[in-house]
Amino acid sequence: MRTTRTRRTALAITGLSMALALASGGAAVAQDEAAAMQAASTARWDFDSDAEGWDTLLVDLPEDYDPAVGDLLAEWAPLPEGLEGSGLYTQGANQSDDLFMGWKVYLEGLEPATDYRVDGVLTMASNMPAAIADADDSPAEVYVKLGAYTDEPAAIVDDEGWLRLNADKGLEETGGRNAVVLGTIANPNLELGEDFRTFALHDLTTDGLVRELDGTSVADGGLWLFVGPDSGDAGFTTQFFDAIEVTLTPR
């Protein structure tokens, strides 16, 4: 499996008003310094030229898994035919009925040791029509999650020799202490057809969720974010993250 090199994303407090700026392959936010503790900070990644600091995060598999067995792949790649741009791409056949193929990034420039509410919008490209979600054992049972964690999200080996996430992301359709479920890869912008060669964009957002997502920055003002599909389907699925935008509001 090819992975991207981890880079850090800086949230810089330098301006008189909040404005988003992309620089050096990462995201930067300018905002009024006097209002930094009260104002929300926003970062956005469009993945036009590379993965922009996001690195792969694969868990819920045996420690000695073979990527070739499930045709597992996670990489920055052009969007499929009919769509413009690039994104974070994952594919794989679920070998464990609970495959999580995600991405993580480190944000810098937040207030130190501060609790934040994390809101987000994920723009996906998927090939699963929403209508298929009504079928039994639907391949659309791939739940997209957004998480925030003080420590770096990482794979750890449990007592049975499986890779598990050190953060609590929950199980499939259920969120955890450190992650919320935004929806599934079922795409409302696609009609049910005979094949799955057509991809379309759709947004998943924290708006309207019953539970808010929280994260606490470390002493140097950093916070980890992670996103990814948590699959409850045993089949083969593919999906792209075309853009990710998060807003962090101090509590």
C-alpha atoms as a PDB file:
ATOM      1  CA  MET A   1       0.000   0.000   0.000  1.00  0.00           C
ATOM      2  CA  ARG A   2       1.294   3.409  -0.942  1.00  0.00           C
ATOM      3  CA  THR A   3       1.060   6.101   1.680  1.00  0.00           C
ATOM      4  CA  THR A   4       1.717   9.810   1.851  1.00  0.00           C
ATOM      5  CA  ARG A   5       4.425  11.415   3.943  1.00  0.00           C
ATOM      6  CA  THR A   6       3.090  13.045   7.098  1.00  0.00           C
ATOM      7  CA  ARG A   7       3.211  16.824   7.143  1.00  0.00           C
ATOM      8  CA  ARG A   8       1.780  19.242   9.654  1.00  0.00           C
ATOM      9  CA  THR A   9      -0.923  21.774   8.918  1.00  0.00           C
ATOM     10  CA  ALA A  10      -0.593  25.170  10.565  1.00  0.00           C
ATOM     11  CA  LEU A  11      -3.402  27.399  11.751  1.00  0.00           C
ATOM     12  CA  ALA A  12      -1.691  30.787  11.881  1.00  0.00           C
ATOM     13  CA  ILE A  13      -3.167  33.769  13.766  1.00  0.00           C
ATOM     14  CA  THR A  14      -1.839  36.748  11.847  1.00  0.00           C
ATOM     15  CA  GLY A  15      -4.578  38.920  10.324  1.00  0.00           C
ATOM     16  CA  LEU A  16      -7.417  41.328  11.116  1.00  0.00           C
ATOM     17  CA  SER A  17     -10.188  39.071   9.869  1.00  0.00           C
ATOM     18  CA  MET A  18     -10.619  35.344   9.350  1.00  0.00           C
ATOM     19  CA  ALA A  19      -9.435  34.319   5.905  1.00  0.00           C
ATOM     20  CA  LEU A  20      -8.411  30.991   4.536  1.00  0.00           C
ATOM     21  CA  ALA A  21      -5.071  30.666   2.776  1.00  0.00           C
ATOM     22  CA  LEU A  22      -3.436  27.584   1.354  1.00  0.00           C
ATOM     23  CA  ALA A  23       0.341  27.699   1.426  1.00  0.00           C
ATOM     24  CA  SER A  24       3.221  25.233   1.172  1.00  0.00           C
ATOM     25  CA  GLY A  25       0.917  22.294   0.601  1.00  0.00           C
ATOM     26  CA  GLY A  26      -0.955  22.864   3.878  1.00  0.00           C
ATOM     27  CA  ALA A  27      -3.755  24.992   5.250  1.00  0.00           C
ATOM     28  CA  ALA A  28      -3.395  28.251   7.117  1.00  0.00           C
ATOM     29  CA  VAL A  29      -5.972  30.433   8.788  1.00  0.00           C
ATOM     30  CA  ALA A  30      -5.654  34.134   9.531  1.00  0.00           C
ATOM     31  CA  GLN A  31      -7.807  35.713  12.222  1.00  0.00           C
ATOM     32  CA  ASP A  32      -7.919  38.610  14.652  1.00  0.00           C
ATOM     33  CA  GLU A  33      -5.381  37.920  17.400  1.00  0.00           C
ATOM     34  CA  ALA A  34      -7.345  39.670  20.146  1.00  0.00           C
ATOM     35  CA  ALA A  35     -10.384  37.502  19.420  1.00  0.00           C
ATOM     36  CA  ALA A  36      -8.446  34.276  18.936  1.00  0.00           C
ATOM     37  CA  MET A  37      -9.871  32.565  22.013  1.00  0.00           C
ATOM     38  CA  GLN A  38     -13.474  33.304  21.028  1.00  0.00           C
ATOM     39  CA  ALA A  39     -13.308  33.118  17.239  1.00  0.00           C
ATOM     40  CA  ALA A  40     -13.600  29.976  15.214  1.00  0.00           C
ATOM     41  CA  SER A  41     -10.686  28.846  13.050  1.00  0.00           C
ATOM     42  CA  THR A  42     -11.327  27.210   9.689  1.00  0.00           C
ATOM     43  CA  ALA A  43      -9.057  25.042   7.580  1.00  0.00           C
ATOM     44  CA  ARG A  44      -9.767  23.557   4.171  1.00  0.00           C
ATOM     45  CA  TRP A  45      -7.989  21.013   1.985  1.00  0.00           C
ATOM     46  CA  ASP A  46      -8.819  20.635  -1.732  1.00  0.00           C
ATOM     47  CA  PHE A  47      -6.071  18.138  -2.624  1.00  0.00           C
ATOM     48  CA  ASP A  48      -5.413  19.746  -5.994  1.00  0.00           C
ATOM     49  CA  SER A  49      -1.682  19.009  -6.101  1.00  0.00           C
ATOM     50  CA  ASP A  50      -1.044  16.425  -3.355  1.00  0.00           C
ATOM     51  CA  ALA A  51      -2.398  14.970  -0.117  1.00  0.00           C
ATOM     52  CA  GLU A  52      -1.656  18.257   1.722  1.00  0.00           C
ATOM     53  CA  GLY A  53      -0.313  16.672   4.879  1.00  0.00           C
ATOM     54  CA  TRP A  54      -2.875  13.893   5.280  1.00  0.00           C
ATOM     55  CA  ASP A  55      -1.460  10.422   5.921  1.00  0.00           C
ATOM     56  CA  THR A  56      -3.112   7.007   5.759  1.00  0.00           C
ATOM     57  CA  LEU A  57      -4.642   5.261   8.769  1.00  0.00           C
ATOM     58  CA  LEU A  58      -5.610   1.596   8.340  1.00  0.00           C
ATOM     59  CA  VAL A  59      -7.051  -0.461  11.218  1.00  0.00           C
ATOM     60  CA  ASP A  60      -9.385  -3.364  12.020  1.00  0.00           C
ATOM     61  CA  LEU A  61      -7.243  -5.896  10.199  1.00  0.00           C
ATOM     62  CA  PRO A  62      -4.819  -8.610  11.333  1.00  0.00           C
ATOM     63  CA  GLU A  63      -1.339  -7.302  12.094  1.00  0.00           C
ATOM     64  CA  ASP A  64       0.087  -9.495   9.343  1.00  0.00           C
ATOM     65  CA  TYR A  65      -2.545  -8.608   6.727  1.00  0.00           C
ATOM     66  CA  ASP A  66      -1.651  -8.825   3.057  1.00  0.00           C
ATOM     67  CA  PRO A  67      -2.792  -5.714   1.093  1.00  0.00           C
ATOM     68  CA  ALA A  68      -3.069  -7.845  -2.046  1.00  0.00           C
ATOM     69  CA  VAL A  69      -5.701 -10.112  -0.485  1.00  0.00           C
ATOM     70  CA  GLY A  70      -8.311  -7.386  -0.243  1.00  0.00           C
ATOM     71  CA  ASP A  71      -6.818  -5.245  -3.018  1.00  0.00           C
ATOM     72  CA  LEU A  72      -6.243  -2.547  -0.407  1.00  0.00           C
ATOM     73  CA  LEU A  73      -5.013   0.823  -1.600  1.00  0.00           C
ATOM     74  CA  ALA A  74      -4.904   4.330  -0.132  1.00  0.00           C
ATOM     75  CA  GLU A  75      -3.313   7.163  -2.090  1.00  0.00           C
ATOM     76  CA  TRP A  76      -3.716  10.659  -3.464  1.00  0.00           C
ATOM     77  CA  ALA A  77      -5.177  10.280  -6.969  1.00  0.00           C
ATOM     78  CA  PRO A  78      -7.107  12.074  -9.733  1.00  0.00           C
ATOM     79  CA  LEU A  79     -10.881  11.897  -9.425  1.00  0.00           C
ATOM     80  CA  PRO A  80     -12.604   9.386 -11.724  1.00  0.00           C
ATOM     81  CA  GLU A  81     -13.796  10.148 -15.242  1.00  0.00           C
ATOM     82  CA  GLY A  82     -16.396  12.903 -15.386  1.00  0.00           C
ATOM     83  CA  LEU A  83     -15.102  14.756 -12.333  1.00  0.00           C
ATOM     84  CA  GLU A  84     -12.381  17.385 -12.098  1.00  0.00           C
ATOM     85  CA  GLY A  85      -9.566  17.566  -9.574  1.00  0.00           C
ATOM     86  CA  SER A  86      -7.934  15.069  -7.231  1.00  0.00           C
ATOM     87  CA  GLY A  87      -8.573  13.615  -3.813  1.00  0.00           C
ATOM     88  CA  LEU A  88      -7.718  11.081  -1.146  1.00  0.00           C
ATOM     89  CA  TYR A  89      -8.615   7.681  -2.553  1.00  0.00           C
ATOM     90  CA  THR A  90      -9.266   4.406  -0.744  1.00  0.00           C
ATOM     91  CA  GLN A  91     -10.314   1.009  -2.004  1.00  0.00           C
ATOM     92  CA  GLY A  92     -10.558  -2.424  -0.490  1.00  0.00           C
ATOM     93  CA  ALA A  93     -12.502  -5.590   0.138  1.00  0.00           C
ATOM     94  CA  ASN A  94     -13.519  -5.849   3.769  1.00  0.00           C
ATOM     95  CA  GLN A  95     -11.684  -8.837   5.253  1.00  0.00           C
ATOM     96  CA  SER A  96     -12.930  -8.291   8.797  1.00  0.00           C
ATOM     97  CA  ASP A  97     -16.502  -6.932   8.378  1.00  0.00           C
ATOM     98  CA  ASP A  98     -15.168  -3.823  10.136  1.00  0.00           C
ATOM     99  CA  LEU A  99     -12.528  -2.305   7.871  1.00  0.00           C
ATOM    100  CA  PHE A 100     -11.476   1.300   8.550  1.00  0.00           C
ATOM    101  CA  MET A 101      -9.413   2.920   5.799  1.00  0.00           C
ATOM    102  CA  GLY A 102      -8.840   6.459   6.938  1.00  0.00           C
ATOM    103  CA  TRP A 103      -6.595   9.501   6.853  1.00  0.00           C
ATOM    104  CA  LYS A 104      -5.116  11.714   9.562  1.00  0.00           C
ATOM    105  CA  VAL A 105      -3.601  15.207   9.768  1.00  0.00           C
ATOM    106  CA  TYR A 106      -2.026  17.317  12.513  1.00  0.00           C
ATOM    107  CA  LEU A 107      -3.225  20.899  12.996  1.00  0.00           C
ATOM    108  CA  GLU A 108      -0.925  23.475  14.565  1.00  0.00           C
ATOM    109  CA  GLY A 109      -1.552  27.053  15.657  1.00  0.00           C
ATOM    110  CA  LEU A 110      -4.496  26.481  18.012  1.00  0.00           C
ATOM    111  CA  GLU A 111      -4.647  27.782  21.541  1.00  0.00           C
ATOM    112  CA  PRO A 112      -2.733  25.449  23.896  1.00  0.00           C
ATOM    113  CA  ALA A 113      -4.604  22.948  26.067  1.00  0.00           C
ATOM    114  CA  THR A 114      -7.998  24.196  24.885  1.00  0.00           C
ATOM    115  CA  ASP A 115     -11.250  22.325  24.304  1.00  0.00           C
ATOM    116  CA  TYR A 116     -12.685  22.823  20.811  1.00  0.00           C
ATOM    117  CA  ARG A 117     -15.941  21.961  19.102  1.00  0.00           C
ATOM    118  CA  VAL A 118     -15.096  20.502  15.698  1.00  0.00           C
ATOM    119  CA  ASP A 119     -17.505  21.008  12.801  1.00  0.00           C
ATOM    120  CA  GLY A 120     -16.804  19.715   9.341  1.00  0.00           C
ATOM    121  CA  VAL A 121     -17.905  19.226   5.753  1.00  0.00           C
ATOM    122  CA  LEU A 122     -16.517  16.327   3.709  1.00  0.00           C
ATOM    123  CA  THR A 123     -17.026  16.338  -0.041  1.00  0.00           C
ATOM    124  CA  MET A 124     -16.907  12.766  -1.329  1.00  0.00           C
ATOM    125  CA  ALA A 125     -16.972  11.078  -4.695  1.00  0.00           C
ATOM    126  CA  SER A 126     -18.647   7.682  -4.487  1.00  0.00           C
ATOM    127  CA  ASN A 127     -20.368   5.293  -6.861  1.00  0.00           C
ATOM    128  CA  MET A 128     -23.071   3.884  -4.593  1.00  0.00           C
ATOM    129  CA  PRO A 129     -26.584   5.212  -5.417  1.00  0.00           C
ATOM    130  CA  ALA A 130     -28.606   6.132  -2.352  1.00  0.00           C
ATOM    131  CA  ALA A 131     -31.381   3.758  -3.404  1.00  0.00           C
ATOM    132  CA  ILE A 132     -29.133   0.775  -2.823  1.00  0.00           C
ATOM    133  CA  ALA A 133     -29.036   1.590   0.880  1.00  0.00           C
ATOM    134  CA  ASP A 134     -32.548   0.107   1.196  1.00  0.00           C
ATOM    135  CA  ALA A 135     -31.382  -3.347   0.103  1.00  0.00           C
ATOM    136  CA  ASP A 136     -30.436  -6.117   2.534  1.00  0.00           C
ATOM    137  CA  ASP A 137     -26.676  -6.358   3.121  1.00  0.00           C
ATOM    138  CA  SER A 138     -26.273  -3.133   1.175  1.00  0.00           C
ATOM    139  CA  PRO A 139     -22.754  -2.286  -0.001  1.00  0.00           C
ATOM    140  CA  ALA A 140     -23.631   1.260   1.024  1.00  0.00           C
ATOM    141  CA  GLU A 141     -23.173   0.206   4.664  1.00  0.00           C
ATOM    142  CA  VAL A 142     -19.874   2.034   4.743  1.00  0.00           C
ATOM    143  CA  TYR A 143     -20.076   4.716   7.414  1.00  0.00           C
ATOM    144  CA  VAL A 144     -18.020   7.889   7.024  1.00  0.00           C
ATOM    145  CA  LYS A 145     -16.535   9.286  10.225  1.00  0.00           C
ATOM    146  CA  LEU A 146     -14.810  12.468  11.334  1.00  0.00           C
ATOM    147  CA  GLY A 147     -12.665  12.349  14.459  1.00  0.00           C
ATOM    148  CA  ALA A 148     -10.500  14.567  16.666  1.00  0.00           C
ATOM    149  CA  TYR A 149      -7.841  13.293  19.047  1.00  0.00           C
ATOM    150  CA  THR A 150      -5.200  14.852  21.274  1.00  0.00           C
ATOM    151  CA  ASP A 151      -2.648  12.099  20.596  1.00  0.00           C
ATOM    152  CA  GLU A 152      -1.659  10.956  17.135  1.00  0.00           C
ATOM    153  CA  PRO A 153      -4.210   8.446  15.825  1.00  0.00           C
ATOM    154  CA  ALA A 154      -2.300   5.210  15.323  1.00  0.00           C
ATOM    155  CA  ALA A 155      -2.745   1.477  14.849  1.00  0.00           C
ATOM    156  CA  ILE A 156      -2.009  -0.584  17.939  1.00  0.00           C
ATOM    157  CA  VAL A 157      -1.960  -4.386  18.188  1.00  0.00           C
ATOM    158  CA  ASP A 158      -4.545  -5.963  20.493  1.00  0.00           C
ATOM    159  CA  ASP A 159      -4.255  -9.241  22.407  1.00  0.00           C
ATOM    160  CA  GLU A 160      -5.512 -11.208  19.402  1.00  0.00           C
ATOM    161  CA  GLY A 161      -2.983  -9.761  16.979  1.00  0.00           C
ATOM    162  CA  TRP A 162      -5.326  -7.279  15.287  1.00  0.00           C
ATOM    163  CA  LEU A 163      -4.638  -3.654  14.416  1.00  0.00           C
ATOM    164  CA  ARG A 164      -6.967  -1.346  16.337  1.00  0.00           C
ATOM    165  CA  LEU A 165      -7.186   2.438  16.544  1.00  0.00           C
ATOM    166  CA  ASN A 166      -5.885   4.003  19.754  1.00  0.00           C
ATOM    167  CA  ALA A 167      -8.684   6.594  19.540  1.00  0.00           C
ATOM    168  CA  ASP A 168     -12.326   5.613  20.104  1.00  0.00           C
ATOM    169  CA  LYS A 169     -13.978   5.891  16.690  1.00  0.00           C
ATOM    170  CA  GLY A 170     -16.893   3.610  17.549  1.00  0.00           C
ATOM    171  CA  LEU A 171     -18.042   0.592  15.550  1.00  0.00           C
ATOM    172  CA  GLU A 172     -19.459   1.008  12.047  1.00  0.00           C
ATOM    173  CA  GLU A 173     -22.775   2.928  12.291  1.00  0.00           C
ATOM    174  CA  THR A 174     -22.000   3.996  15.870  1.00  0.00           C
ATOM    175  CA  GLY A 175     -19.646   6.836  16.724  1.00  0.00           C
ATOM    176  CA  GLY A 176     -17.205   6.835  19.631  1.00  0.00           C
ATOM    177  CA  ARG A 177     -15.827   9.273  22.165  1.00  0.00           C
ATOM    178  CA  ASN A 178     -13.434  10.674  19.564  1.00  0.00           C
ATOM    179  CA  ALA A 179     -15.469  10.435  16.342  1.00  0.00           C
ATOM    180  CA  VAL A 180     -18.924  11.042  14.903  1.00  0.00           C
ATOM    181  CA  VAL A 181     -20.740   9.407  11.983  1.00  0.00           C
ATOM    182  CA  LEU A 182     -21.504  11.864   9.178  1.00  0.00           C
ATOM    183  CA  GLY A 183     -23.392   9.408   6.982  1.00  0.00           C
ATOM    184  CA  THR A 184     -22.558   6.675   4.482  1.00  0.00           C
ATOM    185  CA  ILE A 185     -21.072   6.459   1.003  1.00  0.00           C
ATOM    186  CA  ALA A 186     -24.637   6.119  -0.382  1.00  0.00           C
ATOM    187  CA  ASN A 187     -24.820   8.945  -2.920  1.00  0.00           C
ATOM    188  CA  PRO A 188     -28.090  10.922  -3.269  1.00  0.00           C
ATOM    189  CA  ASN A 189     -26.841  12.346  -6.576  1.00  0.00           C
ATOM    190  CA  LEU A 190     -26.783   8.966  -8.334  1.00  0.00           C
ATOM    191  CA  GLU A 191     -29.655   6.884  -9.647  1.00  0.00           C
ATOM    192  CA  LEU A 192     -29.671   3.117  -9.293  1.00  0.00           C
ATOM    193  CA  GLY A 193     -28.134   1.510 -12.378  1.00  0.00           C
ATOM    194  CA  GLU A 194     -26.700  -1.760 -13.553  1.00  0.00           C
ATOM    195  CA  ASP A 195     -23.082  -1.005 -12.749  1.00  0.00           C
ATOM    196  CA  PHE A 196     -20.990   1.157 -10.458  1.00  0.00           C
ATOM    197  CA  ARG A 197     -18.716   2.882 -12.946  1.00  0.00           C
ATOM    198  CA  THR A 198     -20.262   6.326 -12.439  1.00  0.00           C
ATOM    199  CA  PHE A 199     -19.064   8.528  -9.562  1.00  0.00           C
ATOM    200  CA  ALA A 200     -20.661  11.735  -8.327  1.00  0.00           C
ATOM    201  CA  LEU A 201     -19.867  14.243  -5.589  1.00  0.00           C
ATOM    202  CA  HIS A 202     -21.892  14.611  -2.417  1.00  0.00           C
ATOM    203  CA  ASP A 203     -21.358  16.394   0.908  1.00  0.00           C
ATOM    204  CA  LEU A 204     -21.405  14.917   4.386  1.00  0.00           C
ATOM    205  CA  THR A 205     -21.550  17.339   7.295  1.00  0.00           C
ATOM    206  CA  THR A 206     -21.716  17.585  11.071  1.00  0.00           C
ATOM    207  CA  ASP A 207     -24.767  19.871  10.759  1.00  0.00           C
ATOM    208  CA  GLY A 208     -27.767  18.355  12.492  1.00  0.00           C
ATOM    209  CA  LEU A 209     -25.904  15.635  14.346  1.00  0.00           C
ATOM    210  CA  VAL A 210     -27.298  14.781  17.782  1.00  0.00           C
ATOM    211  CA  ARG A 211     -23.832  14.725  19.332  1.00  0.00           C
ATOM    212  CA  GLU A 212     -21.114  17.291  18.729  1.00  0.00           C
ATOM    213  CA  LEU A 213     -17.489  16.365  18.107  1.00  0.00           C
ATOM    214  CA  ASP A 214     -14.951  17.686  20.616  1.00  0.00           C
ATOM    215  CA  GLY A 215     -11.167  17.762  20.690  1.00  0.00           C
ATOM    216  CA  THR A 216      -8.551  19.121  23.094  1.00  0.00           C
ATOM    217  CA  SER A 217      -5.348  20.700  21.822  1.00  0.00           C
ATOM    218  CA  VAL A 218      -2.006  19.817  23.385  1.00  0.00           C
ATOM    219  CA  ALA A 219       0.388  22.221  25.104  1.00  0.00           C
ATOM    220  CA  ASP A 220       1.900  23.376  21.810  1.00  0.00           C
ATOM    221  CA  GLY A 221      -1.519  24.156  20.312  1.00  0.00           C
ATOM    222  CA  GLY A 222      -1.807  21.049  18.138  1.00  0.00           C
ATOM    223  CA  LEU A 223      -4.730  18.700  17.510  1.00  0.00           C
ATOM    224  CA  TRP A 224      -5.088  15.603  15.336  1.00  0.00           C
ATOM    225  CA  LEU A 225      -8.004  15.064  12.965  1.00  0.00           C
ATOM    226  CA  PHE A 226      -8.934  11.846  11.201  1.00  0.00           C
ATOM    227  CA  VAL A 227     -11.529  10.853   8.621  1.00  0.00           C
ATOM    228  CA  GLY A 228     -12.449   7.642   6.908  1.00  0.00           C
ATOM    229  CA  PRO A 229     -14.996   5.022   5.910  1.00  0.00           C
ATOM    230  CA  ASP A 230     -15.790   2.407   8.561  1.00  0.00           C
ATOM    231  CA  SER A 231     -17.138  -0.518   6.551  1.00  0.00           C
ATOM    232  CA  GLY A 232     -19.829  -2.896   7.684  1.00  0.00           C
ATOM    233  CA  ASP A 233     -19.993  -4.457   4.221  1.00  0.00           C
ATOM    234  CA  ALA A 234     -17.964  -7.490   3.229  1.00  0.00           C
ATOM    235  CA  GLY A 235     -17.661  -6.430  -0.409  1.00  0.00           C
ATOM    236  CA  PHE A 236     -15.267  -4.253  -2.381  1.00  0.00           C
ATOM    237  CA  THR A 237     -15.787  -0.481  -2.234  1.00  0.00           C
ATOM    238  CA  THR A 238     -14.007   2.600  -3.555  1.00  0.00           C
ATOM    239  CA  GLN A 239     -14.337   6.245  -2.546  1.00  0.00           C
ATOM    240  CA  PHE A 240     -12.594   9.607  -2.757  1.00  0.00           C
ATOM    241  CA  PHE A 241     -12.399  12.569  -0.399  1.00  0.00           C
ATOM    242  CA  ASP A 242     -12.428  15.508  -2.820  1.00  0.00           C
ATOM    243  CA  ALA A 243     -12.323  18.241  -0.152  1.00  0.00           C
ATOM    244  CA  ILE A 244     -12.346  18.524   3.637  1.00  0.00           C
ATOM    245  CA  GLU A 245     -13.199  21.635   5.618  1.00  0.00           C
ATOM    246  CA  VAL A 246     -13.215  21.902   9.412  1.00  0.00           C
ATOM    247  CA  THR A 247     -14.114  24.717  11.780  1.00  0.00           C
ATOM    248  CA  LEU A 248     -12.791  24.641  15.332  1.00  0.00           C
ATOM    249  CA  THR A 249     -14.548  26.763  17.954  1.00  0.00           C
ATOM    250  CA  PRO A 250     -13.097  27.172  21.460  1.00  0.00           C
ATOM    251  CA  ARG A 251     -15.425  25.978  24.205  1.00  0.00           C
END
